[in-house]
Protein backbone atom coordinates (compact mmCIF):
# COMPACT_ATOMS: atom_id res chain seq x y z
CA MET A 1 76.91 101.52 75.18
CA LYS A 2 78.99 103.54 77.40
CA VAL A 3 81.08 101.96 80.48
CA GLU A 4 79.73 103.34 83.97
CA ASP A 5 82.60 103.28 85.98
CA ASP A 6 82.21 105.80 88.90
CA GLY A 7 86.22 104.87 89.76
CA SER A 8 85.18 102.86 93.00
CA ALA A 9 86.28 98.94 91.65
CA VAL A 10 89.67 98.58 89.30
CA TRP A 11 90.32 95.76 86.79
CA ASN A 12 92.91 93.49 85.56
CA ASP A 13 93.24 90.88 82.49
CA CYS A 14 94.57 87.82 83.23
CA LEU A 15 95.58 84.45 81.20
CA TYR A 16 94.06 81.46 82.31
CA ASP A 17 94.50 78.92 79.32
CA GLU A 18 97.46 79.43 77.49
CA ASN A 19 96.89 76.73 75.11
CA ASN A 20 93.35 77.95 74.04
CA ASN A 21 94.54 81.94 74.45
CA LEU A 22 91.30 82.50 77.03
CA HIS A 23 91.43 85.40 79.34
CA LEU A 24 89.39 86.64 82.15
CA ARG A 25 89.20 89.90 83.81
CA LEU A 26 89.34 90.48 87.67
CA TYR A 27 87.57 93.53 89.20
CA LYS A 28 87.80 94.39 92.58
CA PRO A 29 86.76 97.48 95.14
CA CYS A 30 89.20 100.18 95.39
CA SER A 31 88.76 100.36 99.15
CA PRO A 32 88.14 96.97 100.30
CA PRO A 33 87.13 96.77 104.02
CA ALA A 34 90.52 96.22 106.27
CA ALA A 35 91.60 92.91 107.47
CA THR A 36 88.96 91.44 105.32
CA LYS A 37 89.45 88.76 102.70
CA LEU A 38 87.36 89.10 99.67
CA PRO A 39 84.52 86.62 98.67
CA VAL A 40 84.54 85.21 95.07
CA LEU A 41 81.98 86.21 92.41
CA TYR A 42 82.51 84.29 89.26
CA PHE A 43 80.33 86.16 86.51
CA PHE A 44 79.72 83.92 83.37
CA HIS A 45 78.39 86.40 80.67
CA GLY A 46 75.01 85.56 79.10
CA GLY A 47 74.40 85.29 75.14
CA GLY A 48 73.79 81.63 74.91
CA PHE A 49 77.56 80.77 74.54
CA CYS A 50 77.10 81.94 71.33
CA LEU A 51 77.90 85.96 71.78
CA GLY A 52 79.47 88.27 74.38
CA SER A 53 82.66 89.22 75.90
CA ARG A 54 84.03 90.00 79.32
CA THR A 55 85.13 93.30 77.31
CA TRP A 56 81.22 94.53 75.75
CA PRO A 57 80.35 97.64 78.05
CA HIS A 58 77.44 96.38 79.57
CA MET A 59 79.25 93.36 81.09
CA TYR A 60 82.32 95.45 82.12
CA SER A 61 80.01 98.19 83.83
CA CYS A 62 77.83 95.08 85.63
CA CYS A 63 81.35 93.50 87.09
CA LEU A 64 82.27 96.62 87.81
CA ARG A 65 79.20 97.61 89.82
CA LEU A 66 78.93 94.18 91.36
CA ALA A 67 82.49 94.72 92.81
CA SER A 68 82.09 98.15 94.51
CA ALA A 69 78.50 96.98 95.89
CA LEU A 70 79.05 93.77 97.14
CA GLN A 71 82.45 94.35 98.10
CA VAL A 72 83.83 91.13 96.12
CA LEU A 73 86.61 90.03 94.02
CA VAL A 74 84.73 89.52 90.61
CA VAL A 75 85.87 86.90 87.84
CA ALA A 76 84.89 87.11 84.56
CA PRO A 77 86.27 84.71 81.97
CA ASP A 78 85.68 84.37 78.22
CA TYR A 79 85.40 81.01 76.63
CA HIS A 80 84.71 79.75 73.23
CA LEU A 81 81.51 80.51 71.57
CA ALA A 82 79.29 78.94 68.94
CA PRO A 83 79.03 78.24 66.29
CA GLY A 84 82.62 78.30 65.93
CA HIS A 85 82.73 75.96 68.69
CA ARG A 86 80.19 73.34 69.84
CA LEU A 87 78.80 73.16 73.05
CA PRO A 88 80.34 71.56 75.21
CA ALA A 89 83.56 73.64 74.69
CA ALA A 90 82.35 76.78 76.41
CA LEU A 91 81.42 74.86 79.12
CA GLY A 92 84.72 72.92 79.31
CA ASP A 93 86.40 76.22 79.25
CA ASP A 94 84.41 77.83 82.73
CA MET A 95 85.47 74.77 84.45
CA SER A 96 89.11 75.49 82.99
CA SER A 97 88.75 79.23 84.58
CA VAL A 98 87.36 77.73 87.77
CA GLN A 99 90.33 75.33 87.85
CA TRP A 100 92.68 78.02 87.06
CA LEU A 101 91.20 80.10 90.38
CA GLN A 102 91.77 76.86 92.34
CA ASN A 103 95.63 76.59 90.88
CA GLN A 104 95.96 80.34 91.94
CA ALA A 105 94.64 79.42 95.53
CA VAL A 106 97.13 76.76 96.10
CA LEU A 107 100.36 78.43 94.42
CA ASP A 108 103.21 79.83 96.67
CA GLY A 109 104.46 83.06 95.50
CA GLY A 110 103.57 82.17 91.89
CA ALA A 111 100.02 83.39 91.88
CA ASP A 112 98.56 86.22 90.36
CA GLU A 113 99.52 89.55 92.39
CA TRP A 114 95.80 90.41 92.94
CA LEU A 115 95.40 86.97 94.62
CA GLN A 116 98.13 87.04 96.65
CA GLY A 117 98.91 88.05 100.11
CA GLY A 118 95.70 86.61 101.93
CA SER A 119 93.57 89.39 100.16
CA VAL A 120 91.05 87.01 99.08
CA ASN A 121 88.78 84.49 100.60
CA PHE A 122 88.72 80.93 98.43
CA GLY A 123 86.52 79.54 100.50
CA ARG A 124 83.52 81.46 99.58
CA VAL A 125 83.24 81.25 95.73
CA LEU A 126 79.60 81.83 94.38
CA LEU A 127 79.18 81.38 90.50
CA PHE A 128 76.73 83.78 88.58
CA PHE A 129 75.45 83.39 85.02
CA SER A 130 73.41 85.90 82.98
CA ILE A 131 70.66 83.98 81.85
CA GLN A 132 67.42 85.04 79.56
CA PHE A 133 64.79 82.90 78.50
CA CYS A 134 62.77 82.34 74.63
CA CYS A 135 63.00 85.96 73.71
CA LEU A 136 63.82 89.26 74.64
CA SER A 137 60.23 89.87 76.09
CA LEU A 138 60.75 87.31 78.83
CA THR A 139 63.58 88.19 80.82
CA LEU A 140 64.13 87.21 84.70
CA SER A 141 64.86 89.91 86.88
CA PRO A 142 67.66 90.07 87.79
CA CYS A 143 68.87 87.94 84.91
CA MET A 144 71.53 85.70 87.15
CA ARG A 145 71.37 82.43 89.23
CA PRO A 146 73.78 81.78 91.99
CA PHE A 147 75.58 78.38 92.27
CA SER A 148 77.90 77.70 94.86
CA ILE A 149 81.39 76.11 94.81
CA LYS A 150 83.93 75.32 97.12
CA LEU A 151 87.72 75.53 96.13
CA GLY A 152 89.70 72.70 98.05
CA LYS A 153 92.62 70.78 96.93
CA LYS A 154 90.68 68.61 94.84
CA MET A 155 87.92 70.08 92.78
CA ASP A 156 84.83 67.72 92.38
CA LYS A 157 82.79 69.26 89.46
CA ASN A 158 79.48 67.17 91.33
CA LYS A 159 80.12 69.31 94.14
CA ILE A 160 78.59 72.11 92.22
CA GLY A 161 75.09 72.70 93.32
CA LEU A 162 72.28 75.34 93.10
CA CYS A 163 72.32 77.49 96.27
CA ASN A 164 69.11 78.63 97.67
CA THR A 165 67.81 79.82 94.37
CA PRO A 166 65.41 77.55 92.44
CA LEU A 167 65.41 77.35 88.47
CA PRO A 168 61.82 77.27 86.93
CA HIS A 169 60.31 73.73 86.59
CA GLY A 170 58.77 72.92 83.31
CA PRO A 171 58.60 74.37 79.95
CA ILE A 172 59.08 78.23 79.96
CA HIS A 173 56.97 80.24 76.85
CA CYS A 174 57.54 83.33 75.34
CA PRO A 175 54.26 85.61 74.94
CA SER A 176 54.28 84.54 71.23
CA GLN A 177 53.95 80.95 71.89
CA LEU A 178 51.07 81.40 74.25
């Protein structure tokens, strides 16, 4: 698959977990609105915690489009994948990447250069994860669910909650299961 890059957004890779050699990719619009802090959109790639990467062309293209169209800073972390790393390893990695961003928000001068200088609004963070249920023939459109989180001096994982988008209730069946 070819990357769709129209030049309206740029990216930069960062190491967020040195012990596990885990990276994330930051995307931002080339021409953000003047005197406006960019909100943050976390993009957790799909793949059922078994496959995927921030570097895959379709993930890369999607994040470029999100950064440009929404005028946000997109954070796309990689995480440990099953079966080599059983759950909840991936969820712990995801939380570690959010804690990395929280640390960047409170650092004085030591933060990543893309996050310095008041260009990012750390009070406006939206978590997205790509989802697909059961099989390829049953895909939600769009395949994302938003969550909100507030980054403060102390992070409480219990404060992460749904943001105006209900998840399906009850079992979800593929056409082949009906």
